[in-house]
């Protein structure tokens, strides 16, 4: 996994704290590239791990916050609403 991180393909990875598995965030050109990486993982190939893939869109909250700030809108709703 370190080699994937060094190449820039793997952005984040770690175990789930409820001991039900782990998660890996890949940044690759598309689903085929992600599938190739995961399907060739030795633990997946040997049946130790199984995988699910889900596309994910990173929401740039810093950009949204800047738009709200620049527009002079409150960053959160007023209390009681």
C-alpha atoms as a PDB file:
ATOM      1  CA  UNK A   1       0.000   0.000   0.000  1.00  0.00           C
ATOM      2  CA  UNK A   2       2.895   2.328   0.629  1.00  0.00           C
ATOM      3  CA  UNK A   3       3.884   2.043  -3.031  1.00  0.00           C
ATOM      4  CA  UNK A   4       0.379   3.166  -4.057  1.00  0.00           C
ATOM      5  CA  UNK A   5       0.706   6.154  -1.737  1.00  0.00           C
ATOM      6  CA  UNK A   6       4.135   7.060  -3.112  1.00  0.00           C
ATOM      7  CA  UNK A   7       2.768   6.839  -6.692  1.00  0.00           C
ATOM      8  CA  UNK A   8      -0.098   9.136  -5.687  1.00  0.00           C
ATOM      9  CA  UNK A   9      -2.846   6.593  -6.395  1.00  0.00           C
ATOM     10  CA  UNK A  10      -3.805   6.065  -2.762  1.00  0.00           C
ATOM     11  CA  UNK A  11      -4.745   9.204  -0.874  1.00  0.00           C
ATOM     12  CA  UNK A  12      -6.000   7.813   2.458  1.00  0.00           C
ATOM     13  CA  UNK A  13      -6.400   4.395   4.068  1.00  0.00           C
ATOM     14  CA  UNK A  14      -7.056   2.894   7.443  1.00  0.00           C
ATOM     15  CA  UNK A  15      -9.097   0.499   9.534  1.00  0.00           C
ATOM     16  CA  UNK A  16     -12.650   1.210  10.623  1.00  0.00           C
ATOM     17  CA  UNK A  17     -12.721   1.692  14.384  1.00  0.00           C
ATOM     18  CA  UNK A  18     -15.571  -0.775  14.848  1.00  0.00           C
ATOM     19  CA  UNK A  19     -13.323  -3.576  13.519  1.00  0.00           C
ATOM     20  CA  UNK A  20     -15.582  -4.291  10.546  1.00  0.00           C
ATOM     21  CA  UNK A  21     -12.944  -3.664   7.894  1.00  0.00           C
ATOM     22  CA  UNK A  22     -11.128  -0.743   6.418  1.00  0.00           C
ATOM     23  CA  UNK A  23     -11.400   1.965   3.822  1.00  0.00           C
ATOM     24  CA  UNK A  24      -9.085   3.119   1.065  1.00  0.00           C
ATOM     25  CA  UNK A  25      -9.473   6.307  -0.937  1.00  0.00           C
ATOM     26  CA  UNK A  26      -7.916   6.040  -4.397  1.00  0.00           C
ATOM     27  CA  UNK A  27      -7.372   8.924  -6.782  1.00  0.00           C
ATOM     28  CA  UNK A  28      -7.102   7.352 -10.219  1.00  0.00           C
ATOM     29  CA  UNK A  29      -8.277   8.008 -13.763  1.00  0.00           C
ATOM     30  CA  UNK A  30     -11.462   5.978 -13.446  1.00  0.00           C
ATOM     31  CA  UNK A  31     -13.249   2.882 -12.244  1.00  0.00           C
ATOM     32  CA  UNK A  32     -11.202   0.522 -14.415  1.00  0.00           C
ATOM     33  CA  UNK A  33      -7.956   1.782 -12.876  1.00  0.00           C
ATOM     34  CA  UNK A  34      -9.377   1.436  -9.366  1.00  0.00           C
ATOM     35  CA  UNK A  35     -10.637  -2.076 -10.093  1.00  0.00           C
ATOM     36  CA  UNK A  36      -7.244  -3.107 -11.423  1.00  0.00           C
ATOM     37  CA  UNK A  37      -5.525  -1.907  -8.250  1.00  0.00           C
ATOM     38  CA  UNK A  38      -7.979  -3.537  -5.869  1.00  0.00           C
ATOM     39  CA  UNK A  39      -8.395  -6.820  -7.766  1.00  0.00           C
ATOM     40  CA  UNK A  40      -4.622  -7.295  -7.832  1.00  0.00           C
ATOM     41  CA  UNK A  41      -4.159  -6.717  -4.104  1.00  0.00           C
ATOM     42  CA  UNK A  42      -2.569  -9.890  -2.665  1.00  0.00           C
ATOM     43  CA  UNK A  43      -5.028 -10.012   0.254  1.00  0.00           C
ATOM     44  CA  UNK A  44      -7.980  -9.724  -2.128  1.00  0.00           C
ATOM     45  CA  UNK A  45      -6.534 -12.307  -4.512  1.00  0.00           C
ATOM     46  CA  UNK A  46      -6.029 -14.782  -1.658  1.00  0.00           C
ATOM     47  CA  UNK A  47      -9.556 -14.235  -0.325  1.00  0.00           C
ATOM     48  CA  UNK A  48      -8.475 -12.676   2.982  1.00  0.00           C
ATOM     49  CA  UNK A  49     -10.180  -9.397   2.052  1.00  0.00           C
ATOM     50  CA  UNK A  50     -13.202  -8.664  -0.098  1.00  0.00           C
ATOM     51  CA  UNK A  51     -13.917  -5.245  -1.503  1.00  0.00           C
ATOM     52  CA  UNK A  52     -16.709  -2.918  -2.492  1.00  0.00           C
ATOM     53  CA  UNK A  53     -16.157   0.118  -4.651  1.00  0.00           C
ATOM     54  CA  UNK A  54     -18.168   3.303  -4.479  1.00  0.00           C
ATOM     55  CA  UNK A  55     -17.539   6.467  -6.521  1.00  0.00           C
ATOM     56  CA  UNK A  56     -17.131   9.526  -4.369  1.00  0.00           C
ATOM     57  CA  UNK A  57     -17.125  13.232  -5.098  1.00  0.00           C
ATOM     58  CA  UNK A  58     -14.997  15.331  -2.815  1.00  0.00           C
ATOM     59  CA  UNK A  59     -16.910  18.418  -1.790  1.00  0.00           C
ATOM     60  CA  UNK A  60     -14.642  21.445  -1.516  1.00  0.00           C
ATOM     61  CA  UNK A  61     -16.069  23.006   1.644  1.00  0.00           C
ATOM     62  CA  UNK A  62     -13.412  25.704   1.675  1.00  0.00           C
ATOM     63  CA  UNK A  63     -14.692  26.989  -1.673  1.00  0.00           C
ATOM     64  CA  UNK A  64     -18.316  26.938  -0.498  1.00  0.00           C
ATOM     65  CA  UNK A  65     -17.413  28.722   2.734  1.00  0.00           C
ATOM     66  CA  UNK A  66     -15.602  31.427   0.776  1.00  0.00           C
ATOM     67  CA  UNK A  67     -18.638  31.972  -1.483  1.00  0.00           C
ATOM     68  CA  UNK A  68     -20.915  32.307   1.543  1.00  0.00           C
ATOM     69  CA  UNK A  69     -18.501  34.662   3.283  1.00  0.00           C
ATOM     70  CA  UNK A  70     -18.023  36.777   0.157  1.00  0.00           C
ATOM     71  CA  UNK A  71     -21.801  37.001  -0.316  1.00  0.00           C
ATOM     72  CA  UNK A  72     -22.212  38.250   3.250  1.00  0.00           C
ATOM     73  CA  UNK A  73     -24.482  35.378   4.200  1.00  0.00           C
ATOM     74  CA  UNK A  74     -24.374  33.828   7.640  1.00  0.00           C
ATOM     75  CA  UNK A  75     -22.324  30.650   7.734  1.00  0.00           C
ATOM     76  CA  UNK A  76     -24.980  28.841   9.793  1.00  0.00           C
ATOM     77  CA  UNK A  77     -28.692  29.191  10.393  1.00  0.00           C
ATOM     78  CA  UNK A  78     -29.895  31.360  13.242  1.00  0.00           C
ATOM     79  CA  UNK A  79     -30.746  29.563  16.469  1.00  0.00           C
ATOM     80  CA  UNK A  80     -34.244  28.140  16.612  1.00  0.00           C
ATOM     81  CA  UNK A  81     -34.584  27.782  12.848  1.00  0.00           C
END
